[in-house]
Amino acid sequence: MAAKPKLIVTRKLPDEVEAHIAAAFDAELNGDDRPLDRSQLAAAFGRADVIVPTVSDVIDAEIIGHAGPNLKLLANFGVGVNHIDLDAAKGQGIAVTNTPDVLTEDTADLAMALILMAARRLAEGERMLRGGGWTGWAPTQHLGGRVNGAKLGIIGMGRIGAALARRAGGFGMDVHYHNRRPVESGMAAELAATYWDDLDAMIGAVDILSVNCPLSPQTHHLLSAERLGLLQPHALVVNASRGGIIDEAALAELLGRGAIAGAGLDVFEGEPAIHPALLGLENVVLLPHLGSATLDGRIDMGMRAMANVEAFLAGNAPPDLL
């Protein structure tokens, strides 16, 4: 009887996913959910046939250089793969897959929640109440901004951007977007969204700016100090994509002096570390990377990763091969 392939999972996954993995593979699971350090990750690369990494793993050329002869697939648990050196993996003959589609709706929900939280100053209100500072209703207490009728600018009209646009339309928002190219006409009609070829012009025109594009060398600090400075003083910035797309130091500086009204952030440049200036600001909502954090979503992600693994090991092209 042929030995089962050695599959190593770098973080704890939902029980349903781990049960599937344990039945199908010679599996090494991460029961205590501690991120692997570099030496542990390098050792895993040396003995695995398949590795299932997550966003918390930095898989650079050095780590990939430790790959043993049997390692042929990185089945990433997540959509974003900016933590993996794809060129180094390709050079080593290692395929990489991801898990698109299954987290679209959950992440769009989270982006919409950040818009509402930042606009209505909900986190500030909860902190005041929990801290014992609420003395009762007052006509001018914690006044936020109206979402209905606000101009929302979406950077990146992919799956998640489009899902956010649908939600924003339900709230009566005026949707605008910047993308590498306009969406096809049928989707444009459905979303009732205005396309801007000029990102800078759109930034200066909207009330709320949402980041929904992937992180790449081209989008790193896409929202630079100069671009953030184009926002109107009442504007809000929301990011449920990747932290490195925004220059956090510049954002914190503008928020701190009131040049931007507020922000809602689910992702950060150096997470889990947070820029200390952001931590001291009341006008920013900070969440611990919860975009896809629903049980259903995480199970779907795990099963999508396993579908890629099983197709690959059967000699077929994985559905999500990058």
C-alpha atoms as a PDB file:
ATOM      1  CA  MET A   1       0.000   0.000   0.000  1.00  0.00           C
ATOM      2  CA  ALA A   2       1.450   3.368  -1.011  1.00  0.00           C
ATOM      3  CA  ALA A   3       2.305   5.759   1.785  1.00  0.00           C
ATOM      4  CA  LYS A   4       0.040   8.761   2.196  1.00  0.00           C
ATOM      5  CA  PRO A   5       1.566  12.086   1.138  1.00  0.00           C
ATOM      6  CA  LYS A   6       3.125  14.137   3.939  1.00  0.00           C
ATOM      7  CA  LEU A   7       1.044  17.307   4.363  1.00  0.00           C
ATOM      8  CA  ILE A   8       2.011  19.975   6.890  1.00  0.00           C
ATOM      9  CA  VAL A   9      -0.440  22.685   8.003  1.00  0.00           C
ATOM     10  CA  THR A  10       1.218  25.730   9.552  1.00  0.00           C
ATOM     11  CA  ARG A  11      -1.728  26.952  11.683  1.00  0.00           C
ATOM     12  CA  LYS A  12      -4.788  25.419  13.328  1.00  0.00           C
ATOM     13  CA  LEU A  13      -7.727  25.141  10.929  1.00  0.00           C
ATOM     14  CA  PRO A  14     -11.412  24.459  11.726  1.00  0.00           C
ATOM     15  CA  ASP A  15     -12.036  20.961  13.124  1.00  0.00           C
ATOM     16  CA  GLU A  16     -14.037  19.870  10.071  1.00  0.00           C
ATOM     17  CA  VAL A  17     -11.133  20.743   7.782  1.00  0.00           C
ATOM     18  CA  GLU A  18      -8.543  19.080   9.992  1.00  0.00           C
ATOM     19  CA  ALA A  19     -10.613  15.880  10.165  1.00  0.00           C
ATOM     20  CA  HIS A  20     -10.658  15.772   6.358  1.00  0.00           C
ATOM     21  CA  ILE A  21      -6.889  16.339   6.224  1.00  0.00           C
ATOM     22  CA  ALA A  22      -6.134  13.698   8.872  1.00  0.00           C
ATOM     23  CA  ALA A  23      -8.155  11.083   7.005  1.00  0.00           C
ATOM     24  CA  ALA A  24      -6.577  11.744   3.622  1.00  0.00           C
ATOM     25  CA  PHE A  25      -2.920  12.455   4.394  1.00  0.00           C
ATOM     26  CA  ASP A  26       0.025  11.764   6.635  1.00  0.00           C
ATOM     27  CA  ALA A  27      -0.794  15.032   8.337  1.00  0.00           C
ATOM     28  CA  GLU A  28       1.125  17.290  10.712  1.00  0.00           C
ATOM     29  CA  LEU A  29      -1.392  19.685  12.235  1.00  0.00           C
ATOM     30  CA  ASN A  30      -0.704  22.678  14.445  1.00  0.00           C
ATOM     31  CA  GLY A  31      -2.851  21.976  17.493  1.00  0.00           C
ATOM     32  CA  ASP A  32      -1.636  24.884  19.639  1.00  0.00           C
ATOM     33  CA  ASP A  33      -1.867  27.372  16.715  1.00  0.00           C
ATOM     34  CA  ARG A  34       1.523  28.938  17.393  1.00  0.00           C
ATOM     35  CA  PRO A  35       3.039  30.411  14.216  1.00  0.00           C
ATOM     36  CA  LEU A  36       6.058  28.437  13.056  1.00  0.00           C
ATOM     37  CA  ASP A  37       9.340  30.251  13.492  1.00  0.00           C
ATOM     38  CA  ARG A  38      11.766  30.344  10.569  1.00  0.00           C
ATOM     39  CA  SER A  39      13.688  27.269  11.631  1.00  0.00           C
ATOM     40  CA  GLN A  40      10.483  25.272  12.053  1.00  0.00           C
ATOM     41  CA  LEU A  41       9.179  26.476   8.713  1.00  0.00           C
ATOM     42  CA  ALA A  42      12.464  25.598   6.977  1.00  0.00           C
ATOM     43  CA  ALA A  43      12.370  22.128   8.537  1.00  0.00           C
ATOM     44  CA  ALA A  44       8.790  21.637   7.355  1.00  0.00           C
ATOM     45  CA  PHE A  45       9.836  22.538   3.812  1.00  0.00           C
ATOM     46  CA  GLY A  46      12.526  19.890   4.002  1.00  0.00           C
ATOM     47  CA  ARG A  47      10.216  16.971   4.814  1.00  0.00           C
ATOM     48  CA  ALA A  48       6.791  17.746   3.307  1.00  0.00           C
ATOM     49  CA  ASP A  49       5.132  16.765   0.049  1.00  0.00           C
ATOM     50  CA  VAL A  50       2.563  19.544   0.459  1.00  0.00           C
ATOM     51  CA  ILE A  51       2.462  22.546   2.772  1.00  0.00           C
ATOM     52  CA  VAL A  52      -0.692  24.499   3.609  1.00  0.00           C
ATOM     53  CA  PRO A  53       0.569  27.943   4.686  1.00  0.00           C
ATOM     54  CA  THR A  54      -1.363  31.008   5.802  1.00  0.00           C
ATOM     55  CA  VAL A  55      -0.870  34.768   5.700  1.00  0.00           C
ATOM     56  CA  SER A  56       1.123  34.582   8.941  1.00  0.00           C
ATOM     57  CA  ASP A  57       3.966  32.669   7.235  1.00  0.00           C
ATOM     58  CA  VAL A  58       6.709  34.615   5.467  1.00  0.00           C
ATOM     59  CA  ILE A  59       7.749  32.255   2.681  1.00  0.00           C
ATOM     60  CA  ASP A  60      10.675  33.987   1.024  1.00  0.00           C
ATOM     61  CA  ALA A  61      13.434  32.669  -1.229  1.00  0.00           C
ATOM     62  CA  GLU A  62      15.530  31.562   1.750  1.00  0.00           C
ATOM     63  CA  ILE A  63      12.743  29.397   3.172  1.00  0.00           C
ATOM     64  CA  ILE A  64      11.917  27.992  -0.268  1.00  0.00           C
ATOM     65  CA  GLY A  65      15.594  27.097  -0.649  1.00  0.00           C
ATOM     66  CA  HIS A  66      15.120  24.535   2.149  1.00  0.00           C
ATOM     67  CA  ALA A  67      12.546  22.596   0.118  1.00  0.00           C
ATOM     68  CA  GLY A  68      13.174  18.879  -0.051  1.00  0.00           C
ATOM     69  CA  PRO A  69      12.882  16.913  -3.296  1.00  0.00           C
ATOM     70  CA  ASN A  70       9.317  15.818  -2.521  1.00  0.00           C
ATOM     71  CA  LEU A  71       7.801  19.263  -1.938  1.00  0.00           C
ATOM     72  CA  LYS A  72       5.775  20.152  -5.008  1.00  0.00           C
ATOM     73  CA  LEU A  73       2.830  22.241  -3.782  1.00  0.00           C
ATOM     74  CA  LEU A  74       2.051  25.184  -1.503  1.00  0.00           C
ATOM     75  CA  ALA A  75      -1.740  25.157  -1.078  1.00  0.00           C
ATOM     76  CA  ASN A  76      -2.213  28.592   0.449  1.00  0.00           C
ATOM     77  CA  PHE A  77      -5.067  29.000   2.927  1.00  0.00           C
ATOM     78  CA  GLY A  78      -6.295  32.401   1.725  1.00  0.00           C
ATOM     79  CA  VAL A  79      -6.525  34.526  -1.394  1.00  0.00           C
ATOM     80  CA  GLY A  80      -3.589  36.894  -0.935  1.00  0.00           C
ATOM     81  CA  VAL A  81      -0.156  35.420  -1.667  1.00  0.00           C
ATOM     82  CA  ASN A  82       2.057  38.463  -1.147  1.00  0.00           C
ATOM     83  CA  HIS A  83       3.700  36.537   1.731  1.00  0.00           C
ATOM     84  CA  ILE A  84       5.006  33.940  -0.747  1.00  0.00           C
ATOM     85  CA  ASP A  85       7.891  34.543  -3.156  1.00  0.00           C
ATOM     86  CA  LEU A  86       6.161  33.188  -6.253  1.00  0.00           C
ATOM     87  CA  ASP A  87       9.226  33.547  -8.464  1.00  0.00           C
ATOM     88  CA  ALA A  88      11.347  31.534  -6.031  1.00  0.00           C
ATOM     89  CA  ALA A  89       8.674  28.853  -5.804  1.00  0.00           C
ATOM     90  CA  LYS A  90       8.464  28.615  -9.580  1.00  0.00           C
ATOM     91  CA  GLY A  91      12.243  28.383  -9.808  1.00  0.00           C
ATOM     92  CA  GLN A  92      12.187  25.474  -7.375  1.00  0.00           C
ATOM     93  CA  GLY A  93       9.420  23.717  -9.318  1.00  0.00           C
ATOM     94  CA  ILE A  94       6.846  24.234  -6.564  1.00  0.00           C
ATOM     95  CA  ALA A  95       3.266  24.997  -7.574  1.00  0.00           C
ATOM     96  CA  VAL A  96       1.219  27.549  -5.585  1.00  0.00           C
ATOM     97  CA  THR A  97      -2.559  27.684  -5.220  1.00  0.00           C
ATOM     98  CA  ASN A  98      -4.898  29.956  -3.269  1.00  0.00           C
ATOM     99  CA  THR A  99      -8.572  30.004  -2.224  1.00  0.00           C
ATOM    100  CA  PRO A 100     -10.490  32.686  -4.164  1.00  0.00           C
ATOM    101  CA  ASP A 101     -14.265  33.227  -4.173  1.00  0.00           C
ATOM    102  CA  VAL A 102     -15.060  31.598  -0.825  1.00  0.00           C
ATOM    103  CA  LEU A 103     -14.244  34.640   1.319  1.00  0.00           C
ATOM    104  CA  THR A 104     -15.639  37.339  -0.969  1.00  0.00           C
ATOM    105  CA  GLU A 105     -18.941  37.934   0.794  1.00  0.00           C
ATOM    106  CA  ASP A 106     -17.498  37.754   4.314  1.00  0.00           C
ATOM    107  CA  THR A 107     -14.769  40.278   3.500  1.00  0.00           C
ATOM    108  CA  ALA A 108     -17.243  42.610   1.805  1.00  0.00           C
ATOM    109  CA  ASP A 109     -19.438  42.428   4.927  1.00  0.00           C
ATOM    110  CA  LEU A 110     -16.441  43.425   7.021  1.00  0.00           C
ATOM    111  CA  ALA A 111     -15.573  46.343   4.720  1.00  0.00           C
ATOM    112  CA  MET A 112     -19.153  47.599   4.932  1.00  0.00           C
ATOM    113  CA  ALA A 113     -19.033  47.241   8.709  1.00  0.00           C
ATOM    114  CA  LEU A 114     -15.868  49.347   8.831  1.00  0.00           C
ATOM    115  CA  ILE A 115     -17.585  52.037   6.755  1.00  0.00           C
ATOM    116  CA  LEU A 116     -20.513  52.140   9.175  1.00  0.00           C
ATOM    117  CA  MET A 117     -18.308  52.015  12.266  1.00  0.00           C
ATOM    118  CA  ALA A 118     -16.038  54.815  11.071  1.00  0.00           C
ATOM    119  CA  ALA A 119     -18.810  57.027   9.703  1.00  0.00           C
ATOM    120  CA  ARG A 120     -21.053  56.721  12.766  1.00  0.00           C
ATOM    121  CA  ARG A 121     -18.172  56.657  15.288  1.00  0.00           C
ATOM    122  CA  LEU A 122     -19.489  53.422  16.771  1.00  0.00           C
ATOM    123  CA  ALA A 123     -16.234  52.221  18.319  1.00  0.00           C
ATOM    124  CA  GLU A 124     -15.811  55.556  20.103  1.00  0.00           C
ATOM    125  CA  GLY A 125     -19.302  55.286  21.505  1.00  0.00           C
ATOM    126  CA  GLU A 126     -18.782  51.769  22.772  1.00  0.00           C
ATOM    127  CA  ARG A 127     -15.479  52.700  24.424  1.00  0.00           C
ATOM    128  CA  MET A 128     -17.157  55.631  26.169  1.00  0.00           C
ATOM    129  CA  LEU A 129     -19.995  53.465  27.435  1.00  0.00           C
ATOM    130  CA  ARG A 130     -17.758  50.619  28.635  1.00  0.00           C
ATOM    131  CA  GLY A 131     -15.469  53.156  30.290  1.00  0.00           C
ATOM    132  CA  GLY A 132     -18.322  54.557  32.347  1.00  0.00           C
ATOM    133  CA  GLY A 133     -18.377  57.895  30.554  1.00  0.00           C
ATOM    134  CA  TRP A 134     -21.947  57.800  29.264  1.00  0.00           C
ATOM    135  CA  THR A 135     -24.298  60.014  31.257  1.00  0.00           C
ATOM    136  CA  GLY A 136     -27.302  59.732  28.947  1.00  0.00           C
ATOM    137  CA  TRP A 137     -28.518  60.881  25.553  1.00  0.00           C
ATOM    138  CA  ALA A 138     -27.447  64.328  24.374  1.00  0.00           C
ATOM    139  CA  PRO A 139     -28.284  66.191  21.139  1.00  0.00           C
ATOM    140  CA  THR A 140     -24.680  66.725  20.058  1.00  0.00           C
ATOM    141  CA  GLN A 141     -23.021  63.606  21.464  1.00  0.00           C
ATOM    142  CA  HIS A 142     -20.786  61.579  19.131  1.00  0.00           C
ATOM    143  CA  LEU A 143     -22.177  63.021  15.953  1.00  0.00           C
ATOM    144  CA  GLY A 144     -21.048  61.028  12.930  1.00  0.00           C
ATOM    145  CA  GLY A 145     -21.592  61.303   9.209  1.00  0.00           C
ATOM    146  CA  ARG A 146     -24.529  60.125   7.119  1.00  0.00           C
ATOM    147  CA  VAL A 147     -23.789  57.107   4.913  1.00  0.00           C
ATOM    148  CA  ASN A 148     -26.877  57.428   2.720  1.00  0.00           C
ATOM    149  CA  GLY A 149     -25.955  59.647  -0.217  1.00  0.00           C
ATOM    150  CA  ALA A 150     -22.217  59.600   0.545  1.00  0.00           C
ATOM    151  CA  LYS A 151     -19.761  59.116  -2.325  1.00  0.00           C
ATOM    152  CA  LEU A 152     -17.869  55.845  -1.885  1.00  0.00           C
ATOM    153  CA  GLY A 153     -14.657  55.372  -3.865  1.00  0.00           C
ATOM    154  CA  ILE A 154     -13.536  51.756  -4.286  1.00  0.00           C
ATOM    155  CA  ILE A 155      -9.937  51.022  -5.281  1.00  0.00           C
ATOM    156  CA  GLY A 156     -10.021  47.652  -7.012  1.00  0.00           C
ATOM    157  CA  MET A 157     -13.312  46.432  -8.504  1.00  0.00           C
ATOM    158  CA  GLY A 158     -12.578  42.715  -8.298  1.00  0.00           C
ATOM    159  CA  ARG A 159     -14.784  40.164  -6.568  1.00  0.00           C
ATOM    160  CA  ILE A 160     -14.648  41.858  -3.157  1.00  0.00           C
ATOM    161  CA  GLY A 161     -14.868  45.396  -4.535  1.00  0.00           C
ATOM    162  CA  ALA A 162     -17.969  44.455  -6.539  1.00  0.00           C
ATOM    163  CA  ALA A 163     -19.552  42.750  -3.524  1.00  0.00           C
ATOM    164  CA  LEU A 164     -18.928  45.895  -1.476  1.00  0.00           C
ATOM    165  CA  ALA A 165     -20.447  48.042  -4.243  1.00  0.00           C
ATOM    166  CA  ARG A 166     -23.645  45.958  -4.082  1.00  0.00           C
ATOM    167  CA  ARG A 167     -23.869  46.470  -0.335  1.00  0.00           C
ATOM    168  CA  ALA A 168     -23.134  50.176  -0.612  1.00  0.00           C
ATOM    169  CA  GLY A 169     -25.902  50.562  -3.175  1.00  0.00           C
ATOM    170  CA  GLY A 170     -28.316  49.066  -0.670  1.00  0.00           C
ATOM    171  CA  PHE A 171     -27.338  51.790   1.775  1.00  0.00           C
ATOM    172  CA  GLY A 172     -28.041  54.481  -0.816  1.00  0.00           C
ATOM    173  CA  MET A 173     -24.402  55.333  -1.413  1.00  0.00           C
ATOM    174  CA  ASP A 174     -23.115  56.863  -4.657  1.00  0.00           C
ATOM    175  CA  VAL A 175     -20.508  54.330  -5.812  1.00  0.00           C
ATOM    176  CA  HIS A 176     -17.336  55.253  -7.713  1.00  0.00           C
ATOM    177  CA  TYR A 177     -14.341  53.064  -8.510  1.00  0.00           C
ATOM    178  CA  HIS A 178     -10.819  52.976  -9.898  1.00  0.00           C
ATOM    179  CA  ASN A 179      -9.559  49.818 -11.570  1.00  0.00           C
ATOM    180  CA  ARG A 180      -6.977  48.886 -14.185  1.00  0.00           C
ATOM    181  CA  ARG A 181      -9.877  48.906 -16.638  1.00  0.00           C
ATOM    182  CA  PRO A 182     -13.654  49.438 -16.445  1.00  0.00           C
ATOM    183  CA  VAL A 183     -15.777  46.424 -15.541  1.00  0.00           C
ATOM    184  CA  GLU A 184     -17.823  44.891 -18.344  1.00  0.00           C
ATOM    185  CA  SER A 185     -21.018  46.707 -19.264  1.00  0.00           C
ATOM    186  CA  GLY A 186     -23.441  44.265 -17.632  1.00  0.00           C
ATOM    187  CA  MET A 187     -21.723  44.508 -14.269  1.00  0.00           C
ATOM    188  CA  ALA A 188     -21.371  48.278 -14.615  1.00  0.00           C
ATOM    189  CA  ALA A 189     -25.140  48.556 -15.070  1.00  0.00           C
ATOM    190  CA  GLU A 190     -25.804  46.242 -12.124  1.00  0.00           C
ATOM    191  CA  LEU A 191     -23.488  48.122  -9.782  1.00  0.00           C
ATOM    192  CA  ALA A 192     -24.463  51.614 -10.999  1.00  0.00           C
ATOM    193  CA  ALA A 193     -20.861  52.594 -10.334  1.00  0.00           C
ATOM    194  CA  THR A 194     -18.902  55.426 -11.945  1.00  0.00           C
ATOM    195  CA  TYR A 195     -15.484  54.513 -13.344  1.00  0.00           C
ATOM    196  CA  TRP A 196     -12.495  56.828 -12.800  1.00  0.00           C
ATOM    197  CA  ASP A 197      -9.379  56.300 -14.862  1.00  0.00           C
ATOM    198  CA  ASP A 198      -7.586  58.934 -12.754  1.00  0.00           C
ATOM    199  CA  LEU A 199      -7.147  57.627  -9.199  1.00  0.00           C
ATOM    200  CA  ASP A 200      -6.020  60.982  -7.822  1.00  0.00           C
ATOM    201  CA  ALA A 201      -9.103  62.715  -9.174  1.00  0.00           C
ATOM    202  CA  MET A 202     -11.390  60.119  -7.612  1.00  0.00           C
ATOM    203  CA  ILE A 203      -9.661  60.358  -4.242  1.00  0.00           C
ATOM    204  CA  GLY A 204     -10.289  64.093  -4.128  1.00  0.00           C
ATOM    205  CA  ALA A 205     -13.973  63.689  -4.984  1.00  0.00           C
ATOM    206  CA  VAL A 206     -15.202  60.978  -2.596  1.00  0.00           C
ATOM    207  CA  ASP A 207     -16.372  61.023   1.006  1.00  0.00           C
ATOM    208  CA  ILE A 208     -15.254  57.479   1.843  1.00  0.00           C
ATOM    209  CA  LEU A 209     -12.329  55.621   0.234  1.00  0.00           C
ATOM    210  CA  SER A 210     -12.193  51.812   0.445  1.00  0.00           C
ATOM    211  CA  VAL A 211      -9.080  49.784  -0.426  1.00  0.00           C
ATOM    212  CA  ASN A 212      -9.989  46.495  -2.103  1.00  0.00           C
ATOM    213  CA  CYS A 213      -7.050  45.785  -4.439  1.00  0.00           C
ATOM    214  CA  PRO A 214      -4.333  43.146  -3.873  1.00  0.00           C
ATOM    215  CA  LEU A 215      -0.931  44.044  -2.451  1.00  0.00           C
ATOM    216  CA  SER A 216       1.859  43.878  -5.035  1.00  0.00           C
ATOM    217  CA  PRO A 217       5.046  45.821  -5.754  1.00  0.00           C
ATOM    218  CA  GLN A 218       2.879  48.141  -7.861  1.00  0.00           C
ATOM    219  CA  THR A 219       0.308  48.776  -5.109  1.00  0.00           C
ATOM    220  CA  HIS A 220       2.681  49.013  -2.123  1.00  0.00           C
ATOM    221  CA  HIS A 221       1.977  52.435  -0.558  1.00  0.00           C
ATOM    222  CA  LEU A 222      -0.437  53.174  -3.386  1.00  0.00           C
ATOM    223  CA  LEU A 223      -2.047  55.481  -0.840  1.00  0.00           C
ATOM    224  CA  SER A 224       1.069  57.502  -0.179  1.00  0.00           C
ATOM    225  CA  ALA A 225       1.275  60.649   1.906  1.00  0.00           C
ATOM    226  CA  GLU A 226       0.708  62.677  -1.256  1.00  0.00           C
ATOM    227  CA  ARG A 227      -2.387  60.724  -2.287  1.00  0.00           C
ATOM    228  CA  LEU A 228      -3.852  60.683   1.210  1.00  0.00           C
ATOM    229  CA  GLY A 229      -3.372  64.443   1.229  1.00  0.00           C
ATOM    230  CA  LEU A 230      -5.826  64.704  -1.670  1.00  0.00           C
ATOM    231  CA  LEU A 231      -8.721  63.531   0.523  1.00  0.00           C
ATOM    232  CA  GLN A 232     -11.236  66.058   1.738  1.00  0.00           C
ATOM    233  CA  PRO A 233     -11.040  66.855   5.479  1.00  0.00           C
ATOM    234  CA  HIS A 234     -14.357  65.090   6.183  1.00  0.00           C
ATOM    235  CA  ALA A 235     -13.295  61.926   4.305  1.00  0.00           C
ATOM    236  CA  LEU A 236     -12.835  58.430   5.723  1.00  0.00           C
ATOM    237  CA  VAL A 237     -10.401  55.677   4.669  1.00  0.00           C
ATOM    238  CA  VAL A 238     -11.272  51.976   4.984  1.00  0.00           C
ATOM    239  CA  ASN A 239      -8.890  49.063   4.374  1.00  0.00           C
ATOM    240  CA  ALA A 240      -9.916  45.396   4.431  1.00  0.00           C
ATOM    241  CA  SER A 241      -7.327  44.267   1.867  1.00  0.00           C
ATOM    242  CA  ARG A 242      -3.640  44.450   2.883  1.00  0.00           C
ATOM    243  CA  GLY A 243      -1.925  46.918   5.191  1.00  0.00           C
ATOM    244  CA  GLY A 244       1.020  47.680   2.934  1.00  0.00           C
ATOM    245  CA  ILE A 245      -1.197  49.436   0.395  1.00  0.00           C
ATOM    246  CA  ILE A 246      -1.433  52.422   2.755  1.00  0.00           C
ATOM    247  CA  ASP A 247       1.473  54.433   4.154  1.00  0.00           C
ATOM    248  CA  GLU A 248       0.425  53.967   7.791  1.00  0.00           C
ATOM    249  CA  ALA A 249       2.730  56.622   9.192  1.00  0.00           C
ATOM    250  CA  ALA A 250       1.291  59.199   6.799  1.00  0.00           C
ATOM    251  CA  LEU A 251      -2.270  58.100   7.558  1.00  0.00           C
ATOM    252  CA  ALA A 252      -1.689  58.383  11.301  1.00  0.00           C
ATOM    253  CA  GLU A 253      -0.192  61.851  10.898  1.00  0.00           C
ATOM    254  CA  LEU A 254      -3.154  63.115   8.849  1.00  0.00           C
ATOM    255  CA  LEU A 255      -5.683  61.568  11.236  1.00  0.00           C
ATOM    256  CA  GLY A 256      -3.862  63.011  14.222  1.00  0.00           C
ATOM    257  CA  ARG A 257      -4.119  66.587  13.006  1.00  0.00           C
ATOM    258  CA  GLY A 258      -7.630  66.260  11.659  1.00  0.00           C
ATOM    259  CA  ALA A 259      -6.719  66.490   7.974  1.00  0.00           C
ATOM    260  CA  ILE A 260      -8.779  63.299   7.503  1.00  0.00           C
ATOM    261  CA  ALA A 261     -11.880  62.681   9.602  1.00  0.00           C
ATOM    262  CA  GLY A 262     -11.409  58.991  10.332  1.00  0.00           C
ATOM    263  CA  ALA A 263     -10.415  55.511   9.230  1.00  0.00           C
ATOM    264  CA  GLY A 264     -11.407  51.877   9.617  1.00  0.00           C
ATOM    265  CA  LEU A 265      -8.560  49.347   9.363  1.00  0.00           C
ATOM    266  CA  ASP A 266      -8.695  45.558   9.473  1.00  0.00           C
ATOM    267  CA  VAL A 267      -5.145  45.062   8.157  1.00  0.00           C
ATOM    268  CA  PHE A 268      -1.764  46.597   8.928  1.00  0.00           C
ATOM    269  CA  GLU A 269       1.687  46.936   7.377  1.00  0.00           C
ATOM    270  CA  GLY A 270       3.584  44.996  10.031  1.00  0.00           C
ATOM    271  CA  GLU A 271       0.800  42.986  11.597  1.00  0.00           C
ATOM    272  CA  PRO A 272       0.409  41.832  14.261  1.00  0.00           C
ATOM    273  CA  ALA A 273       2.358  44.970  15.176  1.00  0.00           C
ATOM    274  CA  ILE A 274       0.293  48.158  14.859  1.00  0.00           C
ATOM    275  CA  HIS A 275       1.787  51.579  14.206  1.00  0.00           C
ATOM    276  CA  PRO A 276       1.873  53.115  17.720  1.00  0.00           C
ATOM    277  CA  ALA A 277       0.471  56.433  16.505  1.00  0.00           C
ATOM    278  CA  LEU A 278      -2.692  54.676  15.316  1.00  0.00           C
ATOM    279  CA  LEU A 279      -3.237  53.080  18.718  1.00  0.00           C
ATOM    280  CA  GLY A 280      -3.500  56.475  20.366  1.00  0.00           C
ATOM    281  CA  LEU A 281      -6.148  57.891  18.019  1.00  0.00           C
ATOM    282  CA  GLU A 282      -9.862  57.933  18.775  1.00  0.00           C
ATOM    283  CA  ASN A 283     -10.901  58.525  15.166  1.00  0.00           C
ATOM    284  CA  VAL A 284      -9.722  55.180  13.802  1.00  0.00           C
ATOM    285  CA  VAL A 285     -11.400  51.763  14.082  1.00  0.00           C
ATOM    286  CA  LEU A 286      -8.825  48.980  14.507  1.00  0.00           C
ATOM    287  CA  LEU A 287      -9.781  45.327  13.967  1.00  0.00           C
ATOM    288  CA  PRO A 288      -7.495  42.251  14.138  1.00  0.00           C
ATOM    289  CA  HIS A 289      -7.673  41.044  10.505  1.00  0.00           C
ATOM    290  CA  LEU A 290     -11.218  39.667  10.724  1.00  0.00           C
ATOM    291  CA  GLY A 291     -12.116  39.976   7.032  1.00  0.00           C
ATOM    292  CA  SER A 292     -12.765  36.281   6.414  1.00  0.00           C
ATOM    293  CA  ALA A 293     -13.337  35.347  10.049  1.00  0.00           C
ATOM    294  CA  THR A 294     -16.591  33.445   9.855  1.00  0.00           C
ATOM    295  CA  LEU A 295     -16.713  29.738  10.642  1.00  0.00           C
ATOM    296  CA  ASP A 296     -18.448  29.007   7.343  1.00  0.00           C
ATOM    297  CA  GLY A 297     -15.869  31.025   5.430  1.00  0.00           C
ATOM    298  CA  ARG A 298     -12.880  29.384   7.070  1.00  0.00           C
ATOM    299  CA  ILE A 299     -14.285  25.898   6.505  1.00  0.00           C
ATOM    300  CA  ASP A 300     -14.900  26.778   2.859  1.00  0.00           C
ATOM    301  CA  MET A 301     -11.331  28.067   2.560  1.00  0.00           C
ATOM    302  CA  GLY A 302      -9.926  24.862   4.010  1.00  0.00           C
ATOM    303  CA  MET A 303     -12.002  22.658   1.738  1.00  0.00           C
ATOM    304  CA  ARG A 304     -11.016  24.775  -1.267  1.00  0.00           C
ATOM    305  CA  ALA A 305      -7.352  24.322  -0.337  1.00  0.00           C
ATOM    306  CA  MET A 306      -7.903  20.559  -0.070  1.00  0.00           C
ATOM    307  CA  ALA A 307      -9.613  20.478  -3.471  1.00  0.00           C
ATOM    308  CA  ASN A 308      -6.459  22.031  -4.912  1.00  0.00           C
ATOM    309  CA  VAL A 309      -4.244  19.509  -3.139  1.00  0.00           C
ATOM    310  CA  GLU A 310      -6.305  16.520  -4.213  1.00  0.00           C
ATOM    311  CA  ALA A 311      -6.473  17.647  -7.844  1.00  0.00           C
ATOM    312  CA  PHE A 312      -2.707  18.232  -7.910  1.00  0.00           C
ATOM    313  CA  LEU A 313      -1.853  14.863  -6.384  1.00  0.00           C
ATOM    314  CA  ALA A 314      -4.188  13.150  -8.851  1.00  0.00           C
ATOM    315  CA  GLY A 315      -2.160  14.628 -11.684  1.00  0.00           C
ATOM    316  CA  ASN A 316      -4.752  17.241 -12.636  1.00  0.00           C
ATOM    317  CA  ALA A 317      -4.451  21.014 -12.807  1.00  0.00           C
ATOM    318  CA  PRO A 318      -5.612  22.492  -9.482  1.00  0.00           C
ATOM    319  CA  PRO A 319      -8.603  24.819  -9.944  1.00  0.00           C
ATOM    320  CA  ASP A 320      -6.761  27.720  -8.307  1.00  0.00           C
ATOM    321  CA  LEU A 321      -3.245  27.306  -9.660  1.00  0.00           C
ATOM    322  CA  LEU A 322      -1.388  30.628  -9.715  1.00  0.00           C
END
